[in-house]
């Protein structure tokens, strides 16, 4: 996931524009694939200027990589804890950081990562990394926050699975998989609640309808804003599993988009399915876009025990004249 408004743009949009309304169909042209050696189970991604950051759902590290997937640096997410065996957490205790977004505060860039909430308390984590000459990572519990989220959305413990996060100004957008919900919060209000435990904010919640494969609905896996707009690009996957703890066969992944001002219950965004139906796409980031109809994307995949990959390619769409 990546924050908006800080990557190159070749388009002529003005910052703050509400975004572009896409017309079906979208098309995606895969450009390159690189194995992410040394990054297990890639699950979240963000871009800040020319730096690409990736996190794995069972790894104690935040990785900084180049455009070919090579590791340039890594930051310990929990520096006070011992490293797990082979630097990989077993499934029962993994933090399951599935989402990442970037934002600015106090003159610093920050990376925000959330645990999925699919197993409590191991996956109820809010981890922030303040970047700079000496990066600093802090982690807080989301157990109370997730309990309040379930209360206000009606999600059961089995339905909660936060897979993507995005930050737009003070808007914090959480994307739930399984039951595809977009939940909008005030970032400042959430951070205050995490700090003092008082006045948990209530989300504005929207149900989004995603494509079906073999009768199973695709579920959100990543989200990113088109720089300088409120146009959201997202990824979604179809996995043949009846719960969010056990992995299942991957039946395909999608890339979709919609302008946030169109977000309302029952929205069925425009989507395109990736040609390789075995790819489990976990996150998306926008490097730049051209004109008003083409964006260059990075995607990361999780092979559930195999090699994670970094994909790059061009997403194209038609727009109203």
C-alpha atoms as a PDB file:
ATOM      1  CA  UNK A   1       0.000   0.000   0.000  1.00  0.00           C
ATOM      2  CA  UNK A   2       1.308   3.398  -0.659  1.00  0.00           C
ATOM      3  CA  UNK A   3       0.503   6.913   0.333  1.00  0.00           C
ATOM      4  CA  UNK A   4      -0.616   9.391  -2.316  1.00  0.00           C
ATOM      5  CA  UNK A   5       0.915  12.453  -3.879  1.00  0.00           C
ATOM      6  CA  UNK A   6       4.639  11.744  -3.537  1.00  0.00           C
ATOM      7  CA  UNK A   7       5.611   9.893  -6.700  1.00  0.00           C
ATOM      8  CA  UNK A   8       6.318  11.092 -10.226  1.00  0.00           C
ATOM      9  CA  UNK A   9       3.393  12.002 -12.439  1.00  0.00           C
ATOM     10  CA  UNK A  10       3.439  12.667 -16.149  1.00  0.00           C
ATOM     11  CA  UNK A  11      -0.241  13.624 -16.137  1.00  0.00           C
ATOM     12  CA  UNK A  12      -1.866  17.024 -16.079  1.00  0.00           C
ATOM     13  CA  UNK A  13      -4.151  16.524 -13.084  1.00  0.00           C
ATOM     14  CA  UNK A  14      -4.203  19.048 -10.304  1.00  0.00           C
ATOM     15  CA  UNK A  15      -3.611  17.822  -6.768  1.00  0.00           C
ATOM     16  CA  UNK A  16      -6.877  17.353  -4.902  1.00  0.00           C
ATOM     17  CA  UNK A  17      -8.881  16.507  -8.037  1.00  0.00           C
ATOM     18  CA  UNK A  18     -11.590  13.968  -7.228  1.00  0.00           C
ATOM     19  CA  UNK A  19     -10.185  11.430  -9.661  1.00  0.00           C
ATOM     20  CA  UNK A  20     -11.035   9.773 -12.945  1.00  0.00           C
ATOM     21  CA  UNK A  21     -14.122   7.724 -13.623  1.00  0.00           C
ATOM     22  CA  UNK A  22     -13.006   4.528 -15.370  1.00  0.00           C
ATOM     23  CA  UNK A  23     -15.003   2.769 -18.055  1.00  0.00           C
ATOM     24  CA  UNK A  24     -14.862  -0.998 -18.499  1.00  0.00           C
ATOM     25  CA  UNK A  25     -12.728  -2.713 -19.422  1.00  0.00           C
ATOM     26  CA  UNK A  26      -9.450  -2.161 -17.666  1.00  0.00           C
ATOM     27  CA  UNK A  27      -6.356  -3.791 -19.104  1.00  0.00           C
ATOM     28  CA  UNK A  28      -3.102  -4.774 -17.433  1.00  0.00           C
ATOM     29  CA  UNK A  29       0.124  -5.476 -19.275  1.00  0.00           C
ATOM     30  CA  UNK A  30       2.697  -7.384 -17.227  1.00  0.00           C
ATOM     31  CA  UNK A  31       6.175  -5.977 -17.786  1.00  0.00           C
ATOM     32  CA  UNK A  32       8.621  -7.778 -15.475  1.00  0.00           C
ATOM     33  CA  UNK A  33       8.724 -10.424 -12.723  1.00  0.00           C
ATOM     34  CA  UNK A  34      11.448 -10.658 -10.079  1.00  0.00           C
ATOM     35  CA  UNK A  35      11.800 -13.207  -7.284  1.00  0.00           C
ATOM     36  CA  UNK A  36      12.040 -11.539  -3.864  1.00  0.00           C
ATOM     37  CA  UNK A  37      14.911 -13.585  -2.483  1.00  0.00           C
ATOM     38  CA  UNK A  38      15.092 -13.284   1.300  1.00  0.00           C
ATOM     39  CA  UNK A  39      11.569 -11.851   1.716  1.00  0.00           C
ATOM     40  CA  UNK A  40       9.138 -14.541   2.864  1.00  0.00           C
ATOM     41  CA  UNK A  41       5.388 -14.210   2.294  1.00  0.00           C
ATOM     42  CA  UNK A  42       5.395 -10.631   0.956  1.00  0.00           C
ATOM     43  CA  UNK A  43       2.152  -8.996   2.070  1.00  0.00           C
ATOM     44  CA  UNK A  44       2.423  -5.190   2.147  1.00  0.00           C
ATOM     45  CA  UNK A  45       4.219  -2.543   0.099  1.00  0.00           C
ATOM     46  CA  UNK A  46       4.648   1.231   0.026  1.00  0.00           C
ATOM     47  CA  UNK A  47       6.679   3.658  -2.061  1.00  0.00           C
ATOM     48  CA  UNK A  48       8.212   6.878  -0.755  1.00  0.00           C
ATOM     49  CA  UNK A  49       9.956   8.833  -3.500  1.00  0.00           C
ATOM     50  CA  UNK A  50      12.331   6.264  -5.046  1.00  0.00           C
ATOM     51  CA  UNK A  51      12.329   3.876  -2.079  1.00  0.00           C
ATOM     52  CA  UNK A  52      10.242   0.693  -2.142  1.00  0.00           C
ATOM     53  CA  UNK A  53       9.343  -0.885   1.208  1.00  0.00           C
ATOM     54  CA  UNK A  54       7.978  -4.417   1.637  1.00  0.00           C
ATOM     55  CA  UNK A  55       6.831  -6.380   4.663  1.00  0.00           C
ATOM     56  CA  UNK A  56       6.149 -10.111   4.967  1.00  0.00           C
ATOM     57  CA  UNK A  57       3.315 -11.510   7.060  1.00  0.00           C
ATOM     58  CA  UNK A  58       5.645 -13.862   8.952  1.00  0.00           C
ATOM     59  CA  UNK A  59       8.855 -11.801   9.017  1.00  0.00           C
ATOM     60  CA  UNK A  60      10.395  -9.637  11.766  1.00  0.00           C
ATOM     61  CA  UNK A  61      11.815  -7.220   9.183  1.00  0.00           C
ATOM     62  CA  UNK A  62      10.741  -4.232   7.120  1.00  0.00           C
ATOM     63  CA  UNK A  63      12.639  -4.508   3.830  1.00  0.00           C
ATOM     64  CA  UNK A  64      13.824  -1.706   1.570  1.00  0.00           C
ATOM     65  CA  UNK A  65      14.285  -2.987  -1.983  1.00  0.00           C
ATOM     66  CA  UNK A  66      15.134  -1.719  -5.449  1.00  0.00           C
ATOM     67  CA  UNK A  67      13.015  -2.030  -8.589  1.00  0.00           C
ATOM     68  CA  UNK A  68      14.428  -5.496  -9.331  1.00  0.00           C
ATOM     69  CA  UNK A  69      13.586  -6.851  -5.887  1.00  0.00           C
ATOM     70  CA  UNK A  70      17.069  -6.817  -4.384  1.00  0.00           C
ATOM     71  CA  UNK A  71      17.232  -5.998  -0.663  1.00  0.00           C
ATOM     72  CA  UNK A  72      19.050  -2.716  -0.022  1.00  0.00           C
ATOM     73  CA  UNK A  73      18.343  -2.468   3.711  1.00  0.00           C
ATOM     74  CA  UNK A  74      16.130  -3.902   6.432  1.00  0.00           C
ATOM     75  CA  UNK A  75      14.717  -2.522   9.669  1.00  0.00           C
ATOM     76  CA  UNK A  76      13.837  -4.591  12.736  1.00  0.00           C
ATOM     77  CA  UNK A  77      10.131  -4.208  13.487  1.00  0.00           C
ATOM     78  CA  UNK A  78      10.401  -5.527  17.038  1.00  0.00           C
ATOM     79  CA  UNK A  79      14.035  -4.841  17.993  1.00  0.00           C
ATOM     80  CA  UNK A  80      13.534  -5.748  21.674  1.00  0.00           C
ATOM     81  CA  UNK A  81      12.345  -9.285  20.880  1.00  0.00           C
ATOM     82  CA  UNK A  82      14.543 -12.241  19.900  1.00  0.00           C
ATOM     83  CA  UNK A  83      14.470 -13.268  16.262  1.00  0.00           C
ATOM     84  CA  UNK A  84      12.367 -16.363  15.503  1.00  0.00           C
ATOM     85  CA  UNK A  85      14.078 -19.519  14.177  1.00  0.00           C
ATOM     86  CA  UNK A  86      15.313 -18.948  10.600  1.00  0.00           C
ATOM     87  CA  UNK A  87      13.826 -15.441  10.950  1.00  0.00           C
ATOM     88  CA  UNK A  88      10.317 -16.715  10.131  1.00  0.00           C
ATOM     89  CA  UNK A  89       7.416 -16.816  12.603  1.00  0.00           C
ATOM     90  CA  UNK A  90       5.344 -20.032  12.713  1.00  0.00           C
ATOM     91  CA  UNK A  91       1.748 -19.618  11.561  1.00  0.00           C
ATOM     92  CA  UNK A  92       0.249 -19.816  15.068  1.00  0.00           C
ATOM     93  CA  UNK A  93       2.266 -16.862  16.361  1.00  0.00           C
ATOM     94  CA  UNK A  94       3.008 -14.811  13.236  1.00  0.00           C
ATOM     95  CA  UNK A  95       1.999 -11.130  13.459  1.00  0.00           C
ATOM     96  CA  UNK A  96       0.368 -11.312  10.022  1.00  0.00           C
ATOM     97  CA  UNK A  97       1.115  -7.759   8.935  1.00  0.00           C
ATOM     98  CA  UNK A  98      -0.944  -7.713   5.741  1.00  0.00           C
ATOM     99  CA  UNK A  99      -1.106  -4.008   4.982  1.00  0.00           C
ATOM    100  CA  UNK A 100       1.134  -0.974   4.730  1.00  0.00           C
ATOM    101  CA  UNK A 101       0.661   2.747   4.091  1.00  0.00           C
ATOM    102  CA  UNK A 102       2.902   5.804   4.212  1.00  0.00           C
ATOM    103  CA  UNK A 103       2.110   9.180   5.737  1.00  0.00           C
ATOM    104  CA  UNK A 104       3.874  12.320   6.950  1.00  0.00           C
ATOM    105  CA  UNK A 105       3.808  13.708  10.467  1.00  0.00           C
ATOM    106  CA  UNK A 106       6.122  15.992  12.429  1.00  0.00           C
ATOM    107  CA  UNK A 107       8.520  16.423   9.537  1.00  0.00           C
ATOM    108  CA  UNK A 108       9.059  12.647   9.132  1.00  0.00           C
ATOM    109  CA  UNK A 109       7.834   9.950   6.818  1.00  0.00           C
ATOM    110  CA  UNK A 110       6.091   7.096   8.634  1.00  0.00           C
ATOM    111  CA  UNK A 111       5.153   3.596   7.545  1.00  0.00           C
ATOM    112  CA  UNK A 112       2.050   2.085   9.109  1.00  0.00           C
ATOM    113  CA  UNK A 113       1.490  -1.675   9.194  1.00  0.00           C
ATOM    114  CA  UNK A 114      -1.545  -3.493  10.617  1.00  0.00           C
ATOM    115  CA  UNK A 115      -2.009  -7.076  11.690  1.00  0.00           C
ATOM    116  CA  UNK A 116      -4.952  -8.806  10.030  1.00  0.00           C
ATOM    117  CA  UNK A 117      -6.871  -9.440  13.272  1.00  0.00           C
ATOM    118  CA  UNK A 118      -7.579 -13.050  12.234  1.00  0.00           C
ATOM    119  CA  UNK A 119      -6.066 -14.450  15.439  1.00  0.00           C
ATOM    120  CA  UNK A 120      -6.091 -12.569  18.740  1.00  0.00           C
ATOM    121  CA  UNK A 121      -3.920 -11.246  20.247  1.00  0.00           C
ATOM    122  CA  UNK A 122      -1.027 -12.341  17.993  1.00  0.00           C
ATOM    123  CA  UNK A 123      -2.383 -10.524  14.919  1.00  0.00           C
ATOM    124  CA  UNK A 124      -3.856  -7.486  16.677  1.00  0.00           C
ATOM    125  CA  UNK A 125      -0.919  -5.191  15.954  1.00  0.00           C
ATOM    126  CA  UNK A 126      -0.501  -1.550  14.970  1.00  0.00           C
ATOM    127  CA  UNK A 127       3.150  -1.032  14.016  1.00  0.00           C
ATOM    128  CA  UNK A 128       4.586   2.338  12.994  1.00  0.00           C
ATOM    129  CA  UNK A 129       8.089   2.966  11.689  1.00  0.00           C
ATOM    130  CA  UNK A 130       9.384   6.524  11.729  1.00  0.00           C
ATOM    131  CA  UNK A 131      11.906   6.774   8.934  1.00  0.00           C
ATOM    132  CA  UNK A 132      15.066   8.875   8.963  1.00  0.00           C
ATOM    133  CA  UNK A 133      18.752   8.470   9.742  1.00  0.00           C
ATOM    134  CA  UNK A 134      17.823   6.224  12.692  1.00  0.00           C
ATOM    135  CA  UNK A 135      14.473   4.534  11.946  1.00  0.00           C
ATOM    136  CA  UNK A 136      12.332   3.867  15.017  1.00  0.00           C
ATOM    137  CA  UNK A 137       9.648   1.164  15.219  1.00  0.00           C
ATOM    138  CA  UNK A 138       6.840   1.120  17.784  1.00  0.00           C
ATOM    139  CA  UNK A 139       4.011  -1.393  18.177  1.00  0.00           C
ATOM    140  CA  UNK A 140       0.675  -1.153  19.983  1.00  0.00           C
ATOM    141  CA  UNK A 141      -2.182  -3.585  20.552  1.00  0.00           C
ATOM    142  CA  UNK A 142      -5.293  -3.373  18.375  1.00  0.00           C
ATOM    143  CA  UNK A 143      -7.343  -5.868  20.408  1.00  0.00           C
ATOM    144  CA  UNK A 144      -9.661  -3.216  21.831  1.00  0.00           C
ATOM    145  CA  UNK A 145      -9.813  -1.305  18.542  1.00  0.00           C
ATOM    146  CA  UNK A 146     -10.702  -4.453  16.589  1.00  0.00           C
ATOM    147  CA  UNK A 147     -13.370  -5.351  19.171  1.00  0.00           C
ATOM    148  CA  UNK A 148     -14.945  -1.931  18.607  1.00  0.00           C
ATOM    149  CA  UNK A 149     -14.615  -2.325  14.841  1.00  0.00           C
ATOM    150  CA  UNK A 150     -16.494  -5.641  14.949  1.00  0.00           C
ATOM    151  CA  UNK A 151     -19.162  -4.078  17.153  1.00  0.00           C
ATOM    152  CA  UNK A 152     -19.850  -1.215  14.751  1.00  0.00           C
ATOM    153  CA  UNK A 153     -19.556  -3.169  11.493  1.00  0.00           C
ATOM    154  CA  UNK A 154     -21.262  -6.398  12.510  1.00  0.00           C
ATOM    155  CA  UNK A 155     -18.245  -8.478  11.489  1.00  0.00           C
ATOM    156  CA  UNK A 156     -17.753 -11.688  13.432  1.00  0.00           C
ATOM    157  CA  UNK A 157     -14.340 -12.814  14.656  1.00  0.00           C
ATOM    158  CA  UNK A 158     -14.203 -15.187  11.670  1.00  0.00           C
ATOM    159  CA  UNK A 159     -15.020 -12.399   9.201  1.00  0.00           C
ATOM    160  CA  UNK A 160     -12.450  -9.850  10.366  1.00  0.00           C
ATOM    161  CA  UNK A 161      -9.396  -9.845   8.099  1.00  0.00           C
ATOM    162  CA  UNK A 162      -7.732  -6.483   7.450  1.00  0.00           C
ATOM    163  CA  UNK A 163      -5.715  -6.883   4.249  1.00  0.00           C
ATOM    164  CA  UNK A 164      -5.059  -3.333   3.076  1.00  0.00           C
ATOM    165  CA  UNK A 165      -4.703   0.176   4.468  1.00  0.00           C
ATOM    166  CA  UNK A 166      -4.346   3.570   2.834  1.00  0.00           C
ATOM    167  CA  UNK A 167      -3.883   7.092   4.172  1.00  0.00           C
ATOM    168  CA  UNK A 168      -5.219  10.173   2.422  1.00  0.00           C
ATOM    169  CA  UNK A 169      -4.666  13.307   4.483  1.00  0.00           C
ATOM    170  CA  UNK A 170      -6.343  12.498   7.805  1.00  0.00           C
ATOM    171  CA  UNK A 171      -8.467   9.751   6.264  1.00  0.00           C
ATOM    172  CA  UNK A 172      -7.463   6.236   7.284  1.00  0.00           C
ATOM    173  CA  UNK A 173      -8.996   3.598   5.013  1.00  0.00           C
ATOM    174  CA  UNK A 174      -9.069  -0.048   6.124  1.00  0.00           C
ATOM    175  CA  UNK A 175     -10.005  -2.794   3.664  1.00  0.00           C
ATOM    176  CA  UNK A 176     -11.502  -6.009   5.017  1.00  0.00           C
ATOM    177  CA  UNK A 177     -11.284  -9.259   3.076  1.00  0.00           C
ATOM    178  CA  UNK A 178     -13.954 -11.980   3.072  1.00  0.00           C
ATOM    179  CA  UNK A 179     -16.792  -9.563   3.620  1.00  0.00           C
ATOM    180  CA  UNK A 180     -15.430  -6.791   1.432  1.00  0.00           C
ATOM    181  CA  UNK A 181     -15.765  -3.665   3.533  1.00  0.00           C
ATOM    182  CA  UNK A 182     -14.039  -0.301   3.284  1.00  0.00           C
ATOM    183  CA  UNK A 183     -13.889   1.440   6.678  1.00  0.00           C
ATOM    184  CA  UNK A 184     -13.016   5.121   6.857  1.00  0.00           C
ATOM    185  CA  UNK A 185     -11.589   6.616  10.069  1.00  0.00           C
ATOM    186  CA  UNK A 186      -9.762   9.741  11.167  1.00  0.00           C
ATOM    187  CA  UNK A 187      -6.096   8.769  11.395  1.00  0.00           C
ATOM    188  CA  UNK A 188      -5.521  11.267  14.198  1.00  0.00           C
ATOM    189  CA  UNK A 189      -8.485   9.906  16.178  1.00  0.00           C
ATOM    190  CA  UNK A 190      -7.283   6.306  15.814  1.00  0.00           C
ATOM    191  CA  UNK A 191      -3.757   7.211  16.901  1.00  0.00           C
ATOM    192  CA  UNK A 192      -5.131   9.048  19.944  1.00  0.00           C
ATOM    193  CA  UNK A 193      -7.232   6.017  20.907  1.00  0.00           C
ATOM    194  CA  UNK A 194      -4.252   3.702  20.536  1.00  0.00           C
ATOM    195  CA  UNK A 195      -2.225   6.027  22.775  1.00  0.00           C
ATOM    196  CA  UNK A 196      -4.766   6.583  25.569  1.00  0.00           C
ATOM    197  CA  UNK A 197      -7.550   4.010  25.088  1.00  0.00           C
ATOM    198  CA  UNK A 198     -10.277   6.667  25.224  1.00  0.00           C
ATOM    199  CA  UNK A 199     -13.057   7.508  22.749  1.00  0.00           C
ATOM    200  CA  UNK A 200     -12.634   4.793  20.141  1.00  0.00           C
ATOM    201  CA  UNK A 201     -13.687   6.291  16.793  1.00  0.00           C
ATOM    202  CA  UNK A 202     -16.560   4.830  14.773  1.00  0.00           C
ATOM    203  CA  UNK A 203     -15.927   4.046  11.095  1.00  0.00           C
ATOM    204  CA  UNK A 204     -17.952   4.977   8.066  1.00  0.00           C
ATOM    205  CA  UNK A 205     -18.415   1.539   6.487  1.00  0.00           C
ATOM    206  CA  UNK A 206     -19.158   0.586   2.885  1.00  0.00           C
ATOM    207  CA  UNK A 207     -19.820  -2.852   1.365  1.00  0.00           C
ATOM    208  CA  UNK A 208     -18.134  -3.345  -2.012  1.00  0.00           C
ATOM    209  CA  UNK A 209     -19.054  -6.134  -4.434  1.00  0.00           C
ATOM    210  CA  UNK A 210     -16.124  -7.837  -6.167  1.00  0.00           C
ATOM    211  CA  UNK A 211     -16.018 -10.439  -8.984  1.00  0.00           C
ATOM    212  CA  UNK A 212     -16.886 -14.106  -8.490  1.00  0.00           C
ATOM    213  CA  UNK A 213     -14.796 -17.114  -9.525  1.00  0.00           C
ATOM    214  CA  UNK A 214     -16.470 -20.512  -9.170  1.00  0.00           C
ATOM    215  CA  UNK A 215     -19.106 -18.835  -7.017  1.00  0.00           C
ATOM    216  CA  UNK A 216     -16.535 -17.366  -4.616  1.00  0.00           C
ATOM    217  CA  UNK A 217     -16.152 -13.609  -4.280  1.00  0.00           C
ATOM    218  CA  UNK A 218     -12.710 -12.086  -4.627  1.00  0.00           C
ATOM    219  CA  UNK A 219     -11.426 -10.434  -1.462  1.00  0.00           C
ATOM    220  CA  UNK A 220      -9.454  -7.213  -1.024  1.00  0.00           C
ATOM    221  CA  UNK A 221      -5.694  -7.746  -0.760  1.00  0.00           C
ATOM    222  CA  UNK A 222      -4.117  -4.344  -1.464  1.00  0.00           C
ATOM    223  CA  UNK A 223      -4.933  -0.697  -2.154  1.00  0.00           C
ATOM    224  CA  UNK A 224      -3.165   2.444  -3.354  1.00  0.00           C
ATOM    225  CA  UNK A 225      -4.181   5.912  -4.457  1.00  0.00           C
ATOM    226  CA  UNK A 226      -3.395   7.264  -7.900  1.00  0.00           C
ATOM    227  CA  UNK A 227      -1.023  10.140  -7.028  1.00  0.00           C
ATOM    228  CA  UNK A 228      -2.698  13.529  -6.761  1.00  0.00           C
ATOM    229  CA  UNK A 229      -6.233  12.143  -7.025  1.00  0.00           C
ATOM    230  CA  UNK A 230      -8.873  10.298  -5.017  1.00  0.00           C
ATOM    231  CA  UNK A 231      -8.853   7.457  -7.509  1.00  0.00           C
ATOM    232  CA  UNK A 232      -8.246   4.151  -5.729  1.00  0.00           C
ATOM    233  CA  UNK A 233      -6.491   1.212  -7.351  1.00  0.00           C
ATOM    234  CA  UNK A 234      -6.869  -2.080  -5.513  1.00  0.00           C
ATOM    235  CA  UNK A 235      -6.003  -5.755  -5.768  1.00  0.00           C
ATOM    236  CA  UNK A 236      -8.197  -8.700  -4.839  1.00  0.00           C
ATOM    237  CA  UNK A 237      -7.715 -12.460  -4.848  1.00  0.00           C
ATOM    238  CA  UNK A 238      -9.912 -15.532  -4.840  1.00  0.00           C
ATOM    239  CA  UNK A 239      -8.704 -18.240  -2.486  1.00  0.00           C
ATOM    240  CA  UNK A 240     -10.538 -21.534  -2.008  1.00  0.00           C
ATOM    241  CA  UNK A 241     -10.655 -21.610   1.797  1.00  0.00           C
ATOM    242  CA  UNK A 242     -13.485 -21.525   4.314  1.00  0.00           C
ATOM    243  CA  UNK A 243     -11.504 -19.542   6.913  1.00  0.00           C
ATOM    244  CA  UNK A 244      -8.802 -16.854   7.031  1.00  0.00           C
ATOM    245  CA  UNK A 245      -6.313 -18.865   9.094  1.00  0.00           C
ATOM    246  CA  UNK A 246      -5.656 -21.696   6.633  1.00  0.00           C
ATOM    247  CA  UNK A 247      -4.396 -21.078   3.099  1.00  0.00           C
ATOM    248  CA  UNK A 248      -6.333 -22.405   0.120  1.00  0.00           C
ATOM    249  CA  UNK A 249      -5.881 -22.892  -3.607  1.00  0.00           C
ATOM    250  CA  UNK A 250      -5.539 -19.585  -5.445  1.00  0.00           C
ATOM    251  CA  UNK A 251      -8.113 -19.233  -8.235  1.00  0.00           C
ATOM    252  CA  UNK A 252      -7.019 -15.843  -9.528  1.00  0.00           C
ATOM    253  CA  UNK A 253      -6.182 -12.232  -8.732  1.00  0.00           C
ATOM    254  CA  UNK A 254      -7.742  -8.979  -9.913  1.00  0.00           C
ATOM    255  CA  UNK A 255      -6.768  -5.334 -10.259  1.00  0.00           C
ATOM    256  CA  UNK A 256      -9.603  -2.849  -9.962  1.00  0.00           C
ATOM    257  CA  UNK A 257     -10.225   0.855  -9.524  1.00  0.00           C
ATOM    258  CA  UNK A 258     -12.868   3.361  -8.500  1.00  0.00           C
ATOM    259  CA  UNK A 259     -13.008   7.023  -7.426  1.00  0.00           C
ATOM    260  CA  UNK A 260     -13.558   7.405  -3.698  1.00  0.00           C
ATOM    261  CA  UNK A 261     -16.419   9.860  -4.239  1.00  0.00           C
ATOM    262  CA  UNK A 262     -18.375   6.933  -5.779  1.00  0.00           C
ATOM    263  CA  UNK A 263     -17.867   4.731  -2.720  1.00  0.00           C
ATOM    264  CA  UNK A 264     -21.286   3.521  -1.575  1.00  0.00           C
ATOM    265  CA  UNK A 265     -22.888   0.234  -0.540  1.00  0.00           C
ATOM    266  CA  UNK A 266     -23.188  -2.159  -3.453  1.00  0.00           C
ATOM    267  CA  UNK A 267     -20.480  -0.520  -5.556  1.00  0.00           C
ATOM    268  CA  UNK A 268     -19.161  -3.037  -8.110  1.00  0.00           C
ATOM    269  CA  UNK A 269     -15.857  -1.574  -9.333  1.00  0.00           C
ATOM    270  CA  UNK A 270     -14.306  -2.182 -12.713  1.00  0.00           C
ATOM    271  CA  UNK A 271     -11.788  -5.054 -12.489  1.00  0.00           C
ATOM    272  CA  UNK A 272      -9.387  -6.978 -14.699  1.00  0.00           C
ATOM    273  CA  UNK A 273      -8.166 -10.492 -13.917  1.00  0.00           C
ATOM    274  CA  UNK A 274      -4.460 -11.287 -14.198  1.00  0.00           C
ATOM    275  CA  UNK A 275      -3.634 -13.822 -16.901  1.00  0.00           C
ATOM    276  CA  UNK A 276      -1.672 -16.039 -14.502  1.00  0.00           C
ATOM    277  CA  UNK A 277      -4.428 -17.355 -12.240  1.00  0.00           C
ATOM    278  CA  UNK A 278      -1.900 -18.928  -9.861  1.00  0.00           C
ATOM    279  CA  UNK A 279      -0.646 -15.528  -8.692  1.00  0.00           C
ATOM    280  CA  UNK A 280      -1.772 -14.497  -5.219  1.00  0.00           C
ATOM    281  CA  UNK A 281      -1.329 -10.733  -5.378  1.00  0.00           C
ATOM    282  CA  UNK A 282      -1.014  -9.229  -1.907  1.00  0.00           C
ATOM    283  CA  UNK A 283      -0.301  -5.535  -2.423  1.00  0.00           C
ATOM    284  CA  UNK A 284      -0.103  -2.777  -5.027  1.00  0.00           C
ATOM    285  CA  UNK A 285       1.768   0.507  -5.353  1.00  0.00           C
ATOM    286  CA  UNK A 286       1.707   3.193  -8.056  1.00  0.00           C
ATOM    287  CA  UNK A 287       5.081   4.402  -9.303  1.00  0.00           C
ATOM    288  CA  UNK A 288       3.745   6.973 -11.776  1.00  0.00           C
ATOM    289  CA  UNK A 289       1.022   7.537 -14.336  1.00  0.00           C
ATOM    290  CA  UNK A 290       0.825   8.937 -17.854  1.00  0.00           C
ATOM    291  CA  UNK A 291      -1.856  11.311 -19.027  1.00  0.00           C
ATOM    292  CA  UNK A 292      -5.226  10.366 -17.599  1.00  0.00           C
ATOM    293  CA  UNK A 293      -5.480   6.735 -18.589  1.00  0.00           C
ATOM    294  CA  UNK A 294      -2.335   4.752 -17.740  1.00  0.00           C
ATOM    295  CA  UNK A 295      -0.519   4.001 -14.485  1.00  0.00           C
ATOM    296  CA  UNK A 296       2.639   2.018 -13.822  1.00  0.00           C
ATOM    297  CA  UNK A 297       2.147  -0.433 -10.957  1.00  0.00           C
ATOM    298  CA  UNK A 298       4.242  -2.618  -8.707  1.00  0.00           C
ATOM    299  CA  UNK A 299       2.631  -5.732  -7.228  1.00  0.00           C
ATOM    300  CA  UNK A 300       3.919  -8.221  -4.668  1.00  0.00           C
ATOM    301  CA  UNK A 301       2.789 -11.828  -4.455  1.00  0.00           C
ATOM    302  CA  UNK A 302       2.782 -14.461  -1.725  1.00  0.00           C
ATOM    303  CA  UNK A 303       3.291 -18.047  -2.828  1.00  0.00           C
ATOM    304  CA  UNK A 304       2.357 -19.475   0.625  1.00  0.00           C
ATOM    305  CA  UNK A 305       5.705 -21.143   1.252  1.00  0.00           C
ATOM    306  CA  UNK A 306       7.151 -20.624  -2.228  1.00  0.00           C
ATOM    307  CA  UNK A 307       9.006 -17.592  -3.544  1.00  0.00           C
ATOM    308  CA  UNK A 308       7.397 -14.179  -3.270  1.00  0.00           C
ATOM    309  CA  UNK A 309       7.625 -12.045  -6.402  1.00  0.00           C
ATOM    310  CA  UNK A 310       7.727  -8.390  -7.395  1.00  0.00           C
ATOM    311  CA  UNK A 311       5.712  -7.702 -10.552  1.00  0.00           C
ATOM    312  CA  UNK A 312       5.637  -4.529 -12.614  1.00  0.00           C
ATOM    313  CA  UNK A 313       3.307  -3.512 -15.396  1.00  0.00           C
ATOM    314  CA  UNK A 314       0.935  -0.956 -16.877  1.00  0.00           C
ATOM    315  CA  UNK A 315      -2.715  -0.526 -15.989  1.00  0.00           C
ATOM    316  CA  UNK A 316      -4.772   1.245 -18.652  1.00  0.00           C
ATOM    317  CA  UNK A 317      -8.360   2.419 -18.704  1.00  0.00           C
ATOM    318  CA  UNK A 318     -10.712   4.603 -20.695  1.00  0.00           C
ATOM    319  CA  UNK A 319     -12.066   7.876 -19.352  1.00  0.00           C
ATOM    320  CA  UNK A 320     -14.958  10.127 -20.140  1.00  0.00           C
ATOM    321  CA  UNK A 321     -14.033  12.955 -22.484  1.00  0.00           C
END
